[in-house]
Protein backbone atom coordinates (compact mmCIF):
# COMPACT_ATOMS: atom_id res chain seq x y z
CA MET A 1 -10.89 -16.64 -7.46
CA VAL A 2 -8.10 -14.90 -5.48
CA LYS A 3 -8.93 -11.13 -5.37
CA GLY A 4 -5.56 -9.52 -5.33
CA LEU A 5 -3.51 -7.36 -7.65
CA ILE A 6 -0.33 -5.33 -7.77
CA GLY A 7 -0.50 -1.89 -9.27
CA LYS A 8 1.01 1.55 -9.59
CA LYS A 9 -0.63 4.60 -8.16
CA ILE A 10 -1.37 7.09 -11.00
CA GLY A 11 -2.81 9.96 -9.01
CA MET A 12 -6.13 11.45 -7.85
CA THR A 13 -9.12 12.84 -9.56
CA GLN A 14 -12.71 13.32 -8.84
CA VAL A 15 -15.94 11.53 -9.96
CA PHE A 16 -19.55 12.78 -9.93
CA ASP A 17 -22.59 10.50 -9.21
CA LYS A 18 -25.97 10.81 -10.85
CA ASP A 19 -26.99 13.21 -8.15
CA GLY A 20 -23.95 15.56 -8.82
CA LYS A 21 -22.22 14.65 -5.64
CA VAL A 22 -18.39 14.66 -6.06
CA PHE A 23 -16.23 11.84 -4.84
CA PRO A 24 -12.43 11.97 -4.50
CA VAL A 25 -10.90 9.07 -6.39
CA THR A 26 -7.51 7.47 -6.68
CA ILE A 27 -6.60 5.91 -9.97
CA ILE A 28 -4.38 2.74 -9.98
CA GLU A 29 -2.93 0.94 -12.79
CA ALA A 30 -3.37 -2.52 -11.76
CA GLY A 31 -1.93 -5.22 -13.95
CA PRO A 32 -1.66 -7.06 -16.11
CA CYS A 33 -0.45 -9.40 -13.43
CA PHE A 34 0.78 -13.00 -13.82
CA VAL A 35 0.68 -15.92 -11.55
CA THR A 36 4.26 -16.72 -10.94
CA GLN A 37 3.82 -19.42 -8.25
CA VAL A 38 1.00 -21.57 -6.60
CA LYS A 39 1.73 -22.75 -3.05
CA SER A 40 -0.20 -25.71 -1.55
CA ALA A 41 -0.45 -26.87 1.98
CA GLU A 42 0.98 -30.23 1.04
CA LYS A 43 4.20 -29.04 -0.38
CA ASP A 44 4.64 -25.60 1.21
CA GLY A 45 2.70 -25.81 4.58
CA TYR A 46 0.08 -23.24 3.46
CA THR A 47 -1.95 -22.14 0.37
CA ALA A 48 -1.02 -19.03 -1.51
CA VAL A 49 -0.79 -17.50 -4.88
CA GLN A 50 2.32 -15.46 -5.85
CA ILE A 51 1.66 -12.67 -8.55
CA GLY A 52 4.08 -10.52 -10.43
CA PHE A 53 3.65 -7.20 -11.91
CA GLY A 54 5.74 -4.60 -13.83
CA GLU A 55 7.88 -5.61 -16.72
CA THR A 56 11.52 -4.69 -16.67
CA LYS A 57 14.82 -5.33 -18.33
CA PRO A 58 16.11 -8.94 -17.74
CA ALA A 59 19.49 -7.44 -16.73
CA LYS A 60 17.81 -5.88 -13.67
CA LEU A 61 16.84 -9.30 -12.26
CA THR A 62 19.07 -11.79 -10.43
CA GLY A 63 19.80 -15.23 -11.82
CA GLY A 64 17.39 -16.75 -9.27
CA GLU A 65 14.60 -14.50 -10.33
CA LYS A 66 15.12 -15.09 -13.99
CA GLY A 67 14.95 -18.76 -13.43
CA HIS A 68 11.89 -18.60 -11.24
CA LEU A 69 9.99 -16.75 -13.88
CA LYS A 70 11.46 -18.83 -16.85
CA ARG A 71 9.77 -21.94 -15.51
CA ASN A 72 6.43 -20.59 -16.87
CA ASN A 73 7.83 -18.61 -19.83
CA LEU A 74 6.72 -15.39 -17.97
CA PRO A 75 8.35 -11.82 -18.82
CA SER A 76 10.75 -10.25 -16.60
CA LEU A 77 8.57 -9.03 -13.58
CA LYS A 78 9.97 -6.41 -11.18
CA HIS A 79 7.45 -6.90 -8.34
CA LEU A 80 6.39 -10.18 -6.78
CA ARG A 81 3.77 -10.55 -3.95
CA GLU A 82 1.99 -13.30 -2.30
CA PHE A 83 -1.69 -13.64 -1.50
CA ARG A 84 -2.99 -16.20 0.89
CA PHE A 85 -6.38 -17.81 0.75
CA LYS A 86 -8.52 -20.50 1.94
CA GLY A 87 -10.46 -22.83 -0.45
CA GLU A 88 -10.27 -23.10 -4.31
CA HIS A 89 -8.84 -20.42 -6.32
CA GLY A 90 -8.86 -21.66 -9.87
CA LEU A 91 -5.45 -20.29 -10.84
CA SER A 92 -2.54 -21.98 -12.40
CA GLU A 93 1.11 -20.86 -12.73
CA GLY A 94 1.41 -18.60 -15.96
CA ASP A 95 -2.17 -17.42 -15.73
CA LYS A 96 -2.91 -13.62 -16.37
CA VAL A 97 -4.84 -11.77 -13.83
CA SER A 98 -6.47 -8.32 -14.64
CA VAL A 99 -8.59 -5.62 -13.08
CA ASP A 100 -11.90 -7.40 -13.94
CA VAL A 101 -11.41 -9.56 -10.80
CA PHE A 102 -12.92 -6.54 -8.96
CA LYS A 103 -16.38 -5.15 -9.76
CA VAL A 104 -17.65 -1.66 -9.08
CA GLY A 105 -19.16 -1.43 -5.69
CA GLU A 106 -16.83 -3.94 -3.99
CA ARG A 107 -14.72 -3.04 -0.95
CA VAL A 108 -10.87 -3.37 -1.06
CA ASP A 109 -7.81 -2.81 1.21
CA ILE A 110 -4.79 -1.19 -0.36
CA VAL A 111 -1.34 -1.60 1.01
CA GLY A 112 1.39 0.80 0.20
CA THR A 113 4.38 2.72 1.59
CA THR A 114 3.66 6.24 2.81
CA LYS A 115 5.52 9.42 1.61
CA GLY A 116 8.91 9.84 3.43
CA LYS A 117 9.13 13.11 5.30
CA GLY A 118 12.67 12.84 6.78
CA PHE A 119 13.30 14.14 10.27
CA GLN A 120 10.45 16.13 11.64
CA GLY A 121 9.62 17.72 14.89
CA GLY A 122 6.97 16.86 17.38
CA MET A 123 4.28 19.25 15.99
CA LYS A 124 4.36 17.92 12.45
CA ARG A 125 5.12 14.31 13.48
CA HIS A 126 2.58 13.82 16.36
CA GLY A 127 0.34 16.89 16.32
CA PHE A 128 1.82 18.57 19.52
CA SER A 129 0.43 21.99 20.29
CA GLY A 130 3.81 23.56 20.91
CA GLY A 131 4.69 26.04 23.75
CA GLY A 132 2.81 29.11 24.78
CA LYS A 133 3.31 32.38 22.82
CA THR A 134 3.10 34.69 25.92
CA HIS A 135 5.13 35.78 29.01
CA GLY A 136 8.35 36.43 27.05
CA GLN A 137 8.75 33.02 25.38
CA SER A 138 10.73 33.57 22.25
CA ASP A 139 12.56 30.29 21.32
CA ARG A 140 10.34 27.31 22.35
CA GLY A 141 7.29 27.80 20.16
CA ARG A 142 7.52 24.50 18.36
CA SER A 143 9.44 22.64 21.12
CA PRO A 144 7.93 19.33 22.49
CA GLY A 145 8.59 20.53 25.96
CA SER A 146 9.37 18.15 28.96
CA ASN A 147 9.05 14.35 28.38
CA SER A 148 9.41 13.08 31.98
CA SER A 149 10.31 14.03 35.55
CA GLY A 150 13.41 14.23 37.53
CA THR A 151 13.69 11.76 40.41
CA THR A 152 10.82 9.51 39.42
CA PRO A 153 11.13 7.89 36.99
CA GLY A 154 14.44 9.72 36.39
CA ARG A 155 14.45 8.50 32.83
CA VAL A 156 12.37 8.77 29.59
CA TYR A 157 10.02 5.89 29.06
CA LYS A 158 10.50 3.77 25.72
CA GLY A 159 7.98 4.63 23.04
CA SER A 160 7.66 8.23 24.08
CA ARG A 161 6.68 10.47 21.22
CA ARG A 162 9.54 12.66 20.26
CA PRO A 163 10.98 14.32 16.95
CA GLY A 164 12.31 11.70 14.53
CA HIS A 165 12.06 10.10 11.24
CA MET A 166 8.52 10.49 9.80
CA GLY A 167 6.88 8.49 6.94
CA ASP A 168 8.22 5.81 4.61
CA VAL A 169 6.38 3.05 6.38
CA ARG A 170 3.97 0.39 5.23
CA ALA A 171 0.32 1.52 5.66
CA THR A 172 -3.08 0.13 4.59
CA SER A 173 -6.10 2.09 3.46
CA GLN A 174 -9.06 -0.04 4.43
CA ASN A 175 -12.59 -0.63 3.07
CA LEU A 176 -12.19 1.57 0.01
CA THR A 177 -15.16 1.35 -2.46
CA VAL A 178 -14.23 0.45 -6.20
CA VAL A 179 -15.97 3.16 -8.23
CA LEU A 180 -14.17 2.57 -11.64
CA VAL A 181 -12.95 -0.57 -13.50
CA ASP A 182 -11.37 -0.10 -16.92
CA ALA A 183 -10.22 -3.49 -18.15
CA GLU A 184 -9.03 -2.10 -21.42
CA ARG A 185 -6.55 0.36 -19.80
CA ASN A 186 -5.81 -1.79 -16.77
CA LEU A 187 -7.16 1.02 -14.54
CA ILE A 188 -9.16 0.73 -11.22
CA GLY A 189 -10.43 3.75 -9.26
CA VAL A 190 -11.23 3.70 -5.50
CA ASN A 191 -13.05 6.21 -3.38
CA GLY A 192 -10.58 7.83 -1.13
CA SER A 193 -6.74 8.19 -0.66
CA VAL A 194 -4.08 5.58 -1.01
CA PRO A 195 -0.73 5.43 0.71
CA GLY A 196 2.34 6.64 -1.30
CA ALA A 197 3.39 9.06 -3.94
CA LYS A 198 2.59 8.95 -7.61
CA GLY A 199 4.17 6.07 -9.24
CA ALA A 200 4.30 4.06 -5.96
CA VAL A 201 3.69 0.31 -5.99
CA VAL A 202 0.53 -0.75 -4.08
CA VAL A 203 -1.21 -3.99 -3.36
CA LEU A 204 -5.14 -4.37 -3.82
CA LYS A 205 -6.75 -6.94 -1.80
CA GLU A 206 -10.32 -7.94 -0.80
CA ALA A 207 -11.32 -6.02 2.27
CA ARG A 208 -11.08 -7.96 5.42
CA LYS A 209 -13.51 -5.74 7.45
CA GLN A 210 -16.59 -5.53 5.29
């Protein structure tokens, strides 16, 4: 079985265990997902399962997307993602995949897009300490300061940490523990934080570094 789902981040809450210890938990609405395509090594050069999530109006899909889904009489799905695997998976095109592919206690990796922060300075973006607050300094408190030297090298090295665009990048939270599986409501809860804002689309996969 391919352990992979597409979902939508609902938000965060907390869960108490039997000893009264509290855990921060992120709730994700994962599924129902549908298998939209199965790729094989003979035909495509690699083995993978493509899964779709999130019904939308047919008018919001392109003609190619509609035809791709119509082959298996699937609803208009907004988000499609591929999951590569090795060995047998037991899935066919048109199959439905729900949160019960994961069990409480299992470890998962969750891929999402972080919140966009826009243009930010060095202190917020990279954790710089800023300038000193003594000896008459009045206008360089949050400045990043010098970034290089004059004659040698006489330029700024590529990749130097400077102010700039922050956030809105792909990120992965690794090795999160599944603490809740609600198949009736298509909800799954993981211990810890997940990239993205509320309502963001995320991808759940079996953890690679278990």
